[in-house]
Amino acid sequence: MPTKPPLPRLPGGDLVDANKVLPFLVKTQTAPILGGFLAAGILAAIMS
């Protein structure tokens, strides 16, 4: 797992915000266009 950029943190800066691990990896490990489609997929599951 790349250390830069670091995983998203909870307020205070000490603990990782686990709720944002999946979207963070989608954002950082995919091309922007594909990342946008994958973002739509995550939102689809939430909204359904």
All heavy atoms as atom14 arrays in JSON, in Angstrom:
{
  "sequence": "MPTKPPLPRLPGGDLVDANKVLPFLVKTQTAPILGGFLAAGILAAIMS",
  "atom14_mask": [
    [1, 1, 1, 1, 1, 1, 1, 1, 0, 0, 0, 0, 0, 0],
    [1, 1, 1, 1, 1, 1, 1, 0, 0, 0, 0, 0, 0, 0],
    [1, 1, 1, 1, 1, 1, 1, 0, 0, 0, 0, 0, 0, 0],
    [1, 1, 1, 1, 1, 1, 1, 1, 1, 0, 0, 0, 0, 0],
    [1, 1, 1, 1, 1, 1, 1, 0, 0, 0, 0, 0, 0, 0],
    [1, 1, 1, 1, 1, 1, 1, 0, 0, 0, 0, 0, 0, 0],
    [1, 1, 1, 1, 1, 1, 1, 1, 0, 0, 0, 0, 0, 0],
    [1, 1, 1, 1, 1, 1, 1, 0, 0, 0, 0, 0, 0, 0],
    [1, 1, 1, 1, 1, 1, 1, 1, 1, 1, 1, 0, 0, 0],
    [1, 1, 1, 1, 1, 1, 1, 1, 0, 0, 0, 0, 0, 0],
    [1, 1, 1, 1, 1, 1, 1, 0, 0, 0, 0, 0, 0, 0],
    [1, 1, 1, 1, 0, 0, 0, 0, 0, 0, 0, 0, 0, 0],
    [1, 1, 1, 1, 0, 0, 0, 0, 0, 0, 0, 0, 0, 0],
    [1, 1, 1, 1, 1, 1, 1, 1, 0, 0, 0, 0, 0, 0],
    [1, 1, 1, 1, 1, 1, 1, 1, 0, 0, 0, 0, 0, 0],
    [1, 1, 1, 1, 1, 1, 1, 0, 0, 0, 0, 0, 0, 0],
    [1, 1, 1, 1, 1, 1, 1, 1, 0, 0, 0, 0, 0, 0],
    [1, 1, 1, 1, 1, 0, 0, 0, 0, 0, 0, 0, 0, 0],
    [1, 1, 1, 1, 1, 1, 1, 1, 0, 0, 0, 0, 0, 0],
    [1, 1, 1, 1, 1, 1, 1, 1, 1, 0, 0, 0, 0, 0],
    [1, 1, 1, 1, 1, 1, 1, 0, 0, 0, 0, 0, 0, 0],
    [1, 1, 1, 1, 1, 1, 1, 1, 0, 0, 0, 0, 0, 0],
    [1, 1, 1, 1, 1, 1, 1, 0, 0, 0, 0, 0, 0, 0],
    [1, 1, 1, 1, 1, 1, 1, 1, 1, 1, 1, 0, 0, 0],
    [1, 1, 1, 1, 1, 1, 1, 1, 0, 0, 0, 0, 0, 0],
    [1, 1, 1, 1, 1, 1, 1, 0, 0, 0, 0, 0, 0, 0],
    [1, 1, 1, 1, 1, 1, 1, 1, 1, 0, 0, 0, 0, 0],
    [1, 1, 1, 1, 1, 1, 1, 0, 0, 0, 0, 0, 0, 0],
    [1, 1, 1, 1, 1, 1, 1, 1, 1, 0, 0, 0, 0, 0],
    [1, 1, 1, 1, 1, 1, 1, 0, 0, 0, 0, 0, 0, 0],
    [1, 1, 1, 1, 1, 0, 0, 0, 0, 0, 0, 0, 0, 0],
    [1, 1, 1, 1, 1, 1, 1, 0, 0, 0, 0, 0, 0, 0],
    [1, 1, 1, 1, 1, 1, 1, 1, 0, 0, 0, 0, 0, 0],
    [1, 1, 1, 1, 1, 1, 1, 1, 0, 0, 0, 0, 0, 0],
    [1, 1, 1, 1, 0, 0, 0, 0, 0, 0, 0, 0, 0, 0],
    [1, 1, 1, 1, 0, 0, 0, 0, 0, 0, 0, 0, 0, 0],
    [1, 1, 1, 1, 1, 1, 1, 1, 1, 1, 1, 0, 0, 0],
    [1, 1, 1, 1, 1, 1, 1, 1, 0, 0, 0, 0, 0, 0],
    [1, 1, 1, 1, 1, 0, 0, 0, 0, 0, 0, 0, 0, 0],
    [1, 1, 1, 1, 1, 0, 0, 0, 0, 0, 0, 0, 0, 0],
    [1, 1, 1, 1, 0, 0, 0, 0, 0, 0, 0, 0, 0, 0],
    [1, 1, 1, 1, 1, 1, 1, 1, 0, 0, 0, 0, 0, 0],
    [1, 1, 1, 1, 1, 1, 1, 1, 0, 0, 0, 0, 0, 0],
    [1, 1, 1, 1, 1, 0, 0, 0, 0, 0, 0, 0, 0, 0],
    [1, 1, 1, 1, 1, 0, 0, 0, 0, 0, 0, 0, 0, 0],
    [1, 1, 1, 1, 1, 1, 1, 1, 0, 0, 0, 0, 0, 0],
    [1, 1, 1, 1, 1, 1, 1, 1, 0, 0, 0, 0, 0, 0],
    [1, 1, 1, 1, 1, 1, 0, 0, 0, 0, 0, 0, 0, 0]
  ],
  "atom14_positions": [
    [[0.84, -1.19, 0.0], [0.0, 0.0, 0.0], [0.88, 1.25, 0.0], [1.73, 1.42, 0.88], [-0.9, 0.0, 1.24], [-1.78, 1.23, 1.37], [-2.98, 1.34, 0.04], [-3.53, 3.03, 0.26], [0.0, 0.0, 0.0], [0.0, 0.0, 0.0], [0.0, 0.0, 0.0], [0.0, 0.0, 0.0], [0.0, 0.0, 0.0], [0.0, 0.0, 0.0]],
    [[0.74, 2.14, -0.99], [1.58, 3.35, -1.02], [1.36, 4.21, 0.23], [0.25, 4.28, 0.77], [1.06, 4.09, -2.27], [0.41, 3.03, -3.1], [-0.17, 2.04, -2.14], [0.0, 0.0, 0.0], [0.0, 0.0, 0.0], [0.0, 0.0, 0.0], [0.0, 0.0, 0.0], [0.0, 0.0, 0.0], [0.0, 0.0, 0.0], [0.0, 0.0, 0.0]],
    [[2.42, 4.82, 0.68], [2.32, 5.67, 1.86], [2.05, 7.13, 1.5], [1.76, 7.94, 2.37], [3.62, 5.6, 2.68], [4.72, 5.96, 1.83], [3.83, 4.2, 3.21], [0.0, 0.0, 0.0], [0.0, 0.0, 0.0], [0.0, 0.0, 0.0], [0.0, 0.0, 0.0], [0.0, 0.0, 0.0], [0.0, 0.0, 0.0], [0.0, 0.0, 0.0]],
    [[2.17, 7.45, 0.21], [1.89, 8.81, -0.24], [0.92, 8.76, -1.41], [1.17, 8.06, -2.4], [3.18, 9.52, -0.66], [4.11, 9.79, 0.5], [5.34, 10.57, 0.04], [6.27, 10.85, 1.21], [7.45, 11.63, 0.8], [0.0, 0.0, 0.0], [0.0, 0.0, 0.0], [0.0, 0.0, 0.0], [0.0, 0.0, 0.0], [0.0, 0.0, 0.0]],
    [[-0.2, 9.45, -1.32], [-0.66, 10.22, -0.17], [-1.1, 9.3, 0.96], [-1.47, 8.16, 0.71], [-1.86, 10.99, -0.73], [-2.38, 10.09, -1.8], [-1.18, 9.47, -2.43], [0.0, 0.0, 0.0], [0.0, 0.0, 0.0], [0.0, 0.0, 0.0], [0.0, 0.0, 0.0], [0.0, 0.0, 0.0], [0.0, 0.0, 0.0], [0.0, 0.0, 0.0]],
    [[-1.04, 9.78, 2.2], [-1.42, 8.93, 3.33], [-2.93, 8.68, 3.34], [-3.71, 9.41, 2.75], [-0.99, 9.77, 4.54], [-1.02, 11.18, 4.05], [-0.61, 11.12, 2.61], [0.0, 0.0, 0.0], [0.0, 0.0, 0.0], [0.0, 0.0, 0.0], [0.0, 0.0, 0.0], [0.0, 0.0, 0.0], [0.0, 0.0, 0.0], [0.0, 0.0, 0.0]],
    [[-3.32, 7.6, 4.02], [-4.74, 7.29, 4.15], [-5.47, 8.42, 4.88], [-4.88, 9.11, 5.71], [-4.92, 5.99, 4.93], [-4.57, 4.7, 4.16], [-4.4, 3.53, 5.14], [-5.66, 4.38, 3.15], [0.0, 0.0, 0.0], [0.0, 0.0, 0.0], [0.0, 0.0, 0.0], [0.0, 0.0, 0.0], [0.0, 0.0, 0.0], [0.0, 0.0, 0.0]],
    [[-6.75, 8.63, 4.57], [-7.51, 9.7, 5.23], [-7.6, 9.48, 6.74], [-7.68, 8.34, 7.2], [-8.89, 9.6, 4.57], [-8.96, 8.24, 4.0], [-7.57, 7.88, 3.61], [0.0, 0.0, 0.0], [0.0, 0.0, 0.0], [0.0, 0.0, 0.0], [0.0, 0.0, 0.0], [0.0, 0.0, 0.0], [0.0, 0.0, 0.0], [0.0, 0.0, 0.0]],
    [[-7.55, 10.57, 7.46], [-7.52, 10.5, 8.93], [-8.78, 11.07, 9.55], [-9.45, 11.93, 8.98], [-6.31, 11.28, 9.46], [-4.99, 10.83, 8.89], [-4.51, 9.56, 9.53], [-3.38, 8.96, 8.81], [-2.67, 7.94, 9.27], [-2.97, 7.4, 10.42], [-1.69, 7.45, 8.55], [0.0, 0.0, 0.0], [0.0, 0.0, 0.0], [0.0, 0.0, 0.0]],
    [[-9.07, 10.58, 10.77], [-10.14, 11.16, 11.57], [-9.66, 12.5, 12.15], [-8.45, 12.75, 12.2], [-10.52, 10.22, 12.71], [-11.27, 8.94, 12.3], [-11.3, 7.96, 13.47], [-12.69, 9.27, 11.85], [0.0, 0.0, 0.0], [0.0, 0.0, 0.0], [0.0, 0.0, 0.0], [0.0, 0.0, 0.0], [0.0, 0.0, 0.0], [0.0, 0.0, 0.0]],
    [[-10.58, 13.38, 12.58], [-10.15, 14.64, 13.2], [-9.17, 14.37, 14.34], [-9.4, 13.55, 15.2], [-11.48, 15.21, 13.73], [-12.52, 14.65, 12.81], [-12.04, 13.28, 12.46], [0.0, 0.0, 0.0], [0.0, 0.0, 0.0], [0.0, 0.0, 0.0], [0.0, 0.0, 0.0], [0.0, 0.0, 0.0], [0.0, 0.0, 0.0], [0.0, 0.0, 0.0]],
    [[-8.05, 15.07, 14.31], [-6.99, 14.84, 15.29], [-5.74, 14.29, 14.64], [-4.64, 14.47, 15.14], [0.0, 0.0, 0.0], [0.0, 0.0, 0.0], [0.0, 0.0, 0.0], [0.0, 0.0, 0.0], [0.0, 0.0, 0.0], [0.0, 0.0, 0.0], [0.0, 0.0, 0.0], [0.0, 0.0, 0.0], [0.0, 0.0, 0.0], [0.0, 0.0, 0.0]],
    [[-5.92, 13.6, 13.5], [-4.77, 13.18, 12.72], [-4.1, 11.89, 13.12], [-3.12, 11.49, 12.52], [0.0, 0.0, 0.0], [0.0, 0.0, 0.0], [0.0, 0.0, 0.0], [0.0, 0.0, 0.0], [0.0, 0.0, 0.0], [0.0, 0.0, 0.0], [0.0, 0.0, 0.0], [0.0, 0.0, 0.0], [0.0, 0.0, 0.0], [0.0, 0.0, 0.0]],
    [[-4.62, 11.17, 14.14], [-3.94, 9.97, 14.62], [-4.49, 8.68, 14.02], [-3.74, 7.77, 13.7], [-4.02, 9.89, 16.16], [-3.3, 11.05, 16.82], [-2.28, 11.49, 16.27], [-3.78, 11.53, 17.86], [0.0, 0.0, 0.0], [0.0, 0.0, 0.0], [0.0, 0.0, 0.0], [0.0, 0.0, 0.0], [0.0, 0.0, 0.0], [0.0, 0.0, 0.0]],
    [[-5.8, 8.58, 13.88], [-6.44, 7.34, 13.45], [-6.92, 7.44, 12.01], [-7.4, 8.49, 11.58], [-7.63, 7.02, 14.37], [-7.29, 6.8, 15.85], [-8.58, 6.6, 16.65], [-6.36, 5.61, 16.04], [0.0, 0.0, 0.0], [0.0, 0.0, 0.0], [0.0, 0.0, 0.0], [0.0, 0.0, 0.0], [0.0, 0.0, 0.0], [0.0, 0.0, 0.0]],
    [[-6.8, 6.32, 11.27], [-7.3, 6.27, 9.9], [-8.83, 6.28, 9.91], [-9.46, 5.61, 10.73], [-6.79, 4.99, 9.19], [-7.47, 4.82, 7.85], [-5.28, 5.07, 9.02], [0.0, 0.0, 0.0], [0.0, 0.0, 0.0], [0.0, 0.0, 0.0], [0.0, 0.0, 0.0], [0.0, 0.0, 0.0], [0.0, 0.0, 0.0], [0.0, 0.0, 0.0]],
    [[-9.43, 7.04, 9.0], [-10.88, 7.05, 8.84], [-11.25, 5.86, 7.96], [-11.22, 5.93, 6.73], [-11.33, 8.36, 8.19], [-12.85, 8.5, 8.17], [-13.54, 7.5, 8.42], [-13.34, 9.61, 7.89], [0.0, 0.0, 0.0], [0.0, 0.0, 0.0], [0.0, 0.0, 0.0], [0.0, 0.0, 0.0], [0.0, 0.0, 0.0], [0.0, 0.0, 0.0]],
    [[-11.6, 4.74, 8.6], [-11.85, 3.5, 7.86], [-13.02, 3.62, 6.9], [-13.08, 2.91, 5.89], [-12.1, 2.35, 8.85], [0.0, 0.0, 0.0], [0.0, 0.0, 0.0], [0.0, 0.0, 0.0], [0.0, 0.0, 0.0], [0.0, 0.0, 0.0], [0.0, 0.0, 0.0], [0.0, 0.0, 0.0], [0.0, 0.0, 0.0], [0.0, 0.0, 0.0]],
    [[-13.97, 4.53, 7.19], [-15.12, 4.71, 6.3], [-14.7, 5.19, 4.91], [-15.45, 5.04, 3.95], [-16.1, 5.74, 6.89], [-16.77, 5.24, 8.16], [-16.75, 4.04, 8.44], [-17.34, 6.15, 8.92], [0.0, 0.0, 0.0], [0.0, 0.0, 0.0], [0.0, 0.0, 0.0], [0.0, 0.0, 0.0], [0.0, 0.0, 0.0], [0.0, 0.0, 0.0]],
    [[-13.49, 5.76, 4.81], [-13.05, 6.35, 3.53], [-11.95, 5.56, 2.86], [-11.37, 6.0, 1.87], [-12.58, 7.8, 3.77], [-13.72, 8.73, 4.23], [-13.22, 10.11, 4.55], [-14.38, 11.01, 5.04], [-13.91, 12.34, 5.47], [0.0, 0.0, 0.0], [0.0, 0.0, 0.0], [0.0, 0.0, 0.0], [0.0, 0.0, 0.0], [0.0, 0.0, 0.0]],
    [[-11.66, 4.35, 3.37], [-10.59, 3.54, 2.78], [-10.91, 3.15, 1.35], [-10.08, 3.3, 0.44], [-10.32, 2.29, 3.65], [-9.45, 1.28, 2.9], [-9.65, 2.67, 4.96], [0.0, 0.0, 0.0], [0.0, 0.0, 0.0], [0.0, 0.0, 0.0], [0.0, 0.0, 0.0], [0.0, 0.0, 0.0], [0.0, 0.0, 0.0], [0.0, 0.0, 0.0]],
    [[-12.12, 2.64, 1.11], [-12.49, 2.2, -0.23], [-12.49, 3.35, -1.24], [-11.83, 3.25, -2.29], [-13.84, 1.48, -0.22], [-14.35, 1.01, -1.58], [-13.4, -0.01, -2.19], [-15.75, 0.41, -1.45], [0.0, 0.0, 0.0], [0.0, 0.0, 0.0], [0.0, 0.0, 0.0], [0.0, 0.0, 0.0], [0.0, 0.0, 0.0], [0.0, 0.0, 0.0]],
    [[-13.22, 4.46, -0.98], [-13.17, 5.55, -1.96], [-11.77, 6.13, -2.14], [-11.42, 6.58, -3.23], [-14.14, 6.59, -1.39], [-14.34, 6.23, 0.04], [-14.16, 4.75, 0.11], [0.0, 0.0, 0.0], [0.0, 0.0, 0.0], [0.0, 0.0, 0.0], [0.0, 0.0, 0.0], [0.0, 0.0, 0.0], [0.0, 0.0, 0.0], [0.0, 0.0, 0.0]],
    [[-10.97, 6.13, -1.08], [-9.6, 6.64, -1.19], [-8.79, 5.79, -2.17], [-8.07, 6.33, -3.02], [-8.94, 6.63, 0.19], [-7.47, 6.93, 0.16], [-7.02, 8.23, 0.01], [-6.52, 5.91, 0.26], [-5.66, 8.52, -0.03], [-5.18, 6.18, 0.22], [-4.74, 7.49, 0.08], [0.0, 0.0, 0.0], [0.0, 0.0, 0.0], [0.0, 0.0, 0.0]],
    [[-8.9, 4.46, -2.08], [-8.16, 3.6, -2.98], [-8.67, 3.73, -4.41], [-7.88, 3.71, -5.37], [-8.28, 2.14, -2.53], [-7.47, 1.78, -1.28], [-7.78, 0.37, -0.82], [-5.98, 1.91, -1.55], [0.0, 0.0, 0.0], [0.0, 0.0, 0.0], [0.0, 0.0, 0.0], [0.0, 0.0, 0.0], [0.0, 0.0, 0.0], [0.0, 0.0, 0.0]],
    [[-9.97, 3.89, -4.57], [-10.52, 4.12, -5.91], [-9.96, 5.4, -6.5], [-9.58, 5.47, -7.67], [-12.07, 4.18, -5.85], [-12.64, 4.66, -7.18], [-12.63, 2.81, -5.51], [0.0, 0.0, 0.0], [0.0, 0.0, 0.0], [0.0, 0.0, 0.0], [0.0, 0.0, 0.0], [0.0, 0.0, 0.0], [0.0, 0.0, 0.0], [0.0, 0.0, 0.0]],
    [[-9.85, 6.42, -5.67], [-9.39, 7.73, -6.13], [-7.9, 7.7, -6.49], [-7.48, 8.29, -7.5], [-9.62, 8.77, -5.04], [-9.13, 10.18, -5.36], [-10.0, 10.84, -6.4], [-9.85, 12.35, -6.43], [-8.51, 12.83, -6.63], [0.0, 0.0, 0.0], [0.0, 0.0, 0.0], [0.0, 0.0, 0.0], [0.0, 0.0, 0.0], [0.0, 0.0, 0.0]],
    [[-7.1, 7.01, -5.66], [-5.65, 7.09, -5.84], [-5.06, 6.0, -6.72], [-3.97, 6.18, -7.26], [-4.94, 7.04, -4.47], [-5.28, 5.8, -3.82], [-5.36, 8.2, -3.6], [0.0, 0.0, 0.0], [0.0, 0.0, 0.0], [0.0, 0.0, 0.0], [0.0, 0.0, 0.0], [0.0, 0.0, 0.0], [0.0, 0.0, 0.0], [0.0, 0.0, 0.0]],
    [[-5.75, 4.89, -6.87], [-5.17, 3.76, -7.59], [-5.81, 3.52, -8.96], [-5.58, 2.48, -9.57], [-5.29, 2.48, -6.74], [-4.69, 2.6, -5.36], [-3.23, 3.01, -5.39], [-2.45, 2.47, -6.16], [-2.86, 3.97, -4.54], [0.0, 0.0, 0.0], [0.0, 0.0, 0.0], [0.0, 0.0, 0.0], [0.0, 0.0, 0.0], [0.0, 0.0, 0.0]],
    [[-6.62, 4.43, -9.44], [-7.24, 4.28, -10.76], [-7.07, 5.57, -11.54], [-6.84, 6.65, -10.97], [-8.74, 3.96, -10.64], [-9.42, 5.05, -10.02], [-8.98, 2.69, -9.84], [0.0, 0.0, 0.0], [0.0, 0.0, 0.0], [0.0, 0.0, 0.0], [0.0, 0.0, 0.0], [0.0, 0.0, 0.0], [0.0, 0.0, 0.0], [0.0, 0.0, 0.0]],
    [[-7.21, 5.47, -12.87], [-7.18, 6.67, -13.7], [-8.4, 7.52, -13.39], [-9.45, 7.01, -13.0], [-7.18, 6.26, -15.18], [0.0, 0.0, 0.0], [0.0, 0.0, 0.0], [0.0, 0.0, 0.0], [0.0, 0.0, 0.0], [0.0, 0.0, 0.0], [0.0, 0.0, 0.0], [0.0, 0.0, 0.0], [0.0, 0.0, 0.0], [0.0, 0.0, 0.0]],
    [[-8.3, 8.85, -13.56], [-9.4, 9.74, -13.18], [-10.75, 9.37, -13.79], [-11.76, 9.36, -13.1], [-8.92, 11.11, -13.65], [-7.43, 11.02, -13.6], [-7.11, 9.61, -13.98], [0.0, 0.0, 0.0], [0.0, 0.0, 0.0], [0.0, 0.0, 0.0], [0.0, 0.0, 0.0], [0.0, 0.0, 0.0], [0.0, 0.0, 0.0], [0.0, 0.0, 0.0]],
    [[-10.78, 9.06, -15.09], [-12.06, 8.74, -15.73], [-12.65, 7.46, -15.14], [-13.83, 7.4, -14.78], [-11.89, 8.57, -17.27], [-11.39, 9.89, -17.88], [-13.21, 8.15, -17.9], [-12.36, 11.04, -17.75], [0.0, 0.0, 0.0], [0.0, 0.0, 0.0], [0.0, 0.0, 0.0], [0.0, 0.0, 0.0], [0.0, 0.0, 0.0], [0.0, 0.0, 0.0]],
    [[-11.82, 6.42, -15.06], [-12.29, 5.16, -14.49], [-12.7, 5.36, -13.03], [-13.71, 4.81, -12.57], [-11.21, 4.09, -14.59], [-11.56, 2.72, -14.01], [-12.8, 2.15, -14.68], [-10.38, 1.76, -14.15], [0.0, 0.0, 0.0], [0.0, 0.0, 0.0], [0.0, 0.0, 0.0], [0.0, 0.0, 0.0], [0.0, 0.0, 0.0], [0.0, 0.0, 0.0]],
    [[-11.92, 6.18, -12.32], [-12.26, 6.47, -10.93], [-13.63, 7.1, -10.8], [-14.36, 6.84, -9.84], [0.0, 0.0, 0.0], [0.0, 0.0, 0.0], [0.0, 0.0, 0.0], [0.0, 0.0, 0.0], [0.0, 0.0, 0.0], [0.0, 0.0, 0.0], [0.0, 0.0, 0.0], [0.0, 0.0, 0.0], [0.0, 0.0, 0.0], [0.0, 0.0, 0.0]],
    [[-13.98, 7.94, -11.76], [-15.31, 8.55, -11.74], [-16.42, 7.52, -11.91], [-17.44, 7.57, -11.22], [0.0, 0.0, 0.0], [0.0, 0.0, 0.0], [0.0, 0.0, 0.0], [0.0, 0.0, 0.0], [0.0, 0.0, 0.0], [0.0, 0.0, 0.0], [0.0, 0.0, 0.0], [0.0, 0.0, 0.0], [0.0, 0.0, 0.0], [0.0, 0.0, 0.0]],
    [[-16.2, 6.56, -12.82], [-17.2, 5.5, -13.01], [-17.31, 4.61, -11.77], [-18.39, 4.18, -11.38], [-16.86, 4.65, -14.24], [-17.2, 5.33, -15.53], [-16.2, 5.81, -16.37], [-18.53, 5.49, -15.92], [-16.52, 6.44, -17.56], [-18.85, 6.12, -17.11], [-17.85, 6.6, -17.94], [0.0, 0.0, 0.0], [0.0, 0.0, 0.0], [0.0, 0.0, 0.0]],
    [[-16.16, 4.32, -11.17], [-16.18, 3.5, -9.97], [-16.85, 4.25, -8.82], [-17.51, 3.64, -7.98], [-14.75, 3.1, -9.59], [-13.99, 2.29, -10.65], [-12.6, 1.93, -10.16], [-14.77, 1.03, -11.01], [0.0, 0.0, 0.0], [0.0, 0.0, 0.0], [0.0, 0.0, 0.0], [0.0, 0.0, 0.0], [0.0, 0.0, 0.0], [0.0, 0.0, 0.0]],
    [[-16.67, 5.56, -8.79], [-17.37, 6.37, -7.78], [-18.87, 6.24, -7.95], [-19.62, 6.1, -6.97], [-16.95, 7.83, -7.92], [0.0, 0.0, 0.0], [0.0, 0.0, 0.0], [0.0, 0.0, 0.0], [0.0, 0.0, 0.0], [0.0, 0.0, 0.0], [0.0, 0.0, 0.0], [0.0, 0.0, 0.0], [0.0, 0.0, 0.0], [0.0, 0.0, 0.0]],
    [[-19.32, 6.26, -9.19], [-20.75, 6.09, -9.45], [-21.23, 4.73, -8.97], [-22.35, 4.59, -8.45], [-21.02, 6.25, -10.95], [0.0, 0.0, 0.0], [0.0, 0.0, 0.0], [0.0, 0.0, 0.0], [0.0, 0.0, 0.0], [0.0, 0.0, 0.0], [0.0, 0.0, 0.0], [0.0, 0.0, 0.0], [0.0, 0.0, 0.0], [0.0, 0.0, 0.0]],
    [[-20.37, 3.7, -9.13], [-20.74, 2.37, -8.67], [-20.92, 2.3, -7.17], [-21.86, 1.68, -6.66], [0.0, 0.0, 0.0], [0.0, 0.0, 0.0], [0.0, 0.0, 0.0], [0.0, 0.0, 0.0], [0.0, 0.0, 0.0], [0.0, 0.0, 0.0], [0.0, 0.0, 0.0], [0.0, 0.0, 0.0], [0.0, 0.0, 0.0], [0.0, 0.0, 0.0]],
    [[-20.03, 2.95, -6.42], [-20.14, 2.96, -4.96], [-21.41, 3.69, -4.54], [-22.17, 3.23, -3.67], [-18.91, 3.62, -4.33], [-17.65, 2.81, -4.66], [-19.07, 3.72, -2.81], [-16.37, 3.46, -4.2], [0.0, 0.0, 0.0], [0.0, 0.0, 0.0], [0.0, 0.0, 0.0], [0.0, 0.0, 0.0], [0.0, 0.0, 0.0], [0.0, 0.0, 0.0]],
    [[-21.66, 4.84, -5.15], [-22.86, 5.61, -4.83], [-24.12, 4.83, -5.2], [-25.15, 4.93, -4.51], [-22.85, 6.95, -5.56], [-21.79, 7.95, -5.06], [-21.82, 9.21, -5.92], [-22.02, 8.31, -3.6], [0.0, 0.0, 0.0], [0.0, 0.0, 0.0], [0.0, 0.0, 0.0], [0.0, 0.0, 0.0], [0.0, 0.0, 0.0], [0.0, 0.0, 0.0]],
    [[-24.06, 4.03, -6.27], [-25.22, 3.24, -6.68], [-25.62, 2.26, -5.58], [-26.81, 2.08, -5.29], [-24.91, 2.48, -7.97], [0.0, 0.0, 0.0], [0.0, 0.0, 0.0], [0.0, 0.0, 0.0], [0.0, 0.0, 0.0], [0.0, 0.0, 0.0], [0.0, 0.0, 0.0], [0.0, 0.0, 0.0], [0.0, 0.0, 0.0], [0.0, 0.0, 0.0]],
    [[-24.63, 1.63, -4.96], [-24.92, 0.67, -3.88], [-25.55, 1.38, -2.68], [-26.47, 0.87, -2.05], [-23.64, -0.05, -3.46], [0.0, 0.0, 0.0], [0.0, 0.0, 0.0], [0.0, 0.0, 0.0], [0.0, 0.0, 0.0], [0.0, 0.0, 0.0], [0.0, 0.0, 0.0], [0.0, 0.0, 0.0], [0.0, 0.0, 0.0], [0.0, 0.0, 0.0]],
    [[-25.03, 2.56, -2.38], [-25.56, 3.31, -1.24], [-26.99, 3.75, -1.5], [-27.89, 3.58, -0.65], [-24.66, 4.54, -0.97], [-23.27, 4.09, -0.5], [-25.3, 5.46, 0.06], [-22.26, 5.21, -0.39], [0.0, 0.0, 0.0], [0.0, 0.0, 0.0], [0.0, 0.0, 0.0], [0.0, 0.0, 0.0], [0.0, 0.0, 0.0], [0.0, 0.0, 0.0]],
    [[-27.24, 4.28, -2.68], [-28.57, 4.85, -2.99], [-29.62, 3.77, -3.22], [-30.81, 4.0, -3.01], [-28.45, 5.75, -4.21], [-27.54, 6.94, -3.99], [-27.07, 7.79, -5.51], [-28.6, 8.56, -5.95], [0.0, 0.0, 0.0], [0.0, 0.0, 0.0], [0.0, 0.0, 0.0], [0.0, 0.0, 0.0], [0.0, 0.0, 0.0], [0.0, 0.0, 0.0]],
    [[-29.18, 2.56, -3.62], [-30.15, 1.51, -3.9], [-30.83, 0.99, -2.65], [-31.82, 0.26, -2.73], [-29.48, 0.35, -4.64], [-28.53, -0.29, -3.81], [0.0, 0.0, 0.0], [0.0, 0.0, 0.0], [0.0, 0.0, 0.0], [0.0, 0.0, 0.0], [0.0, 0.0, 0.0], [0.0, 0.0, 0.0], [0.0, 0.0, 0.0], [0.0, 0.0, 0.0]]
  ]
}
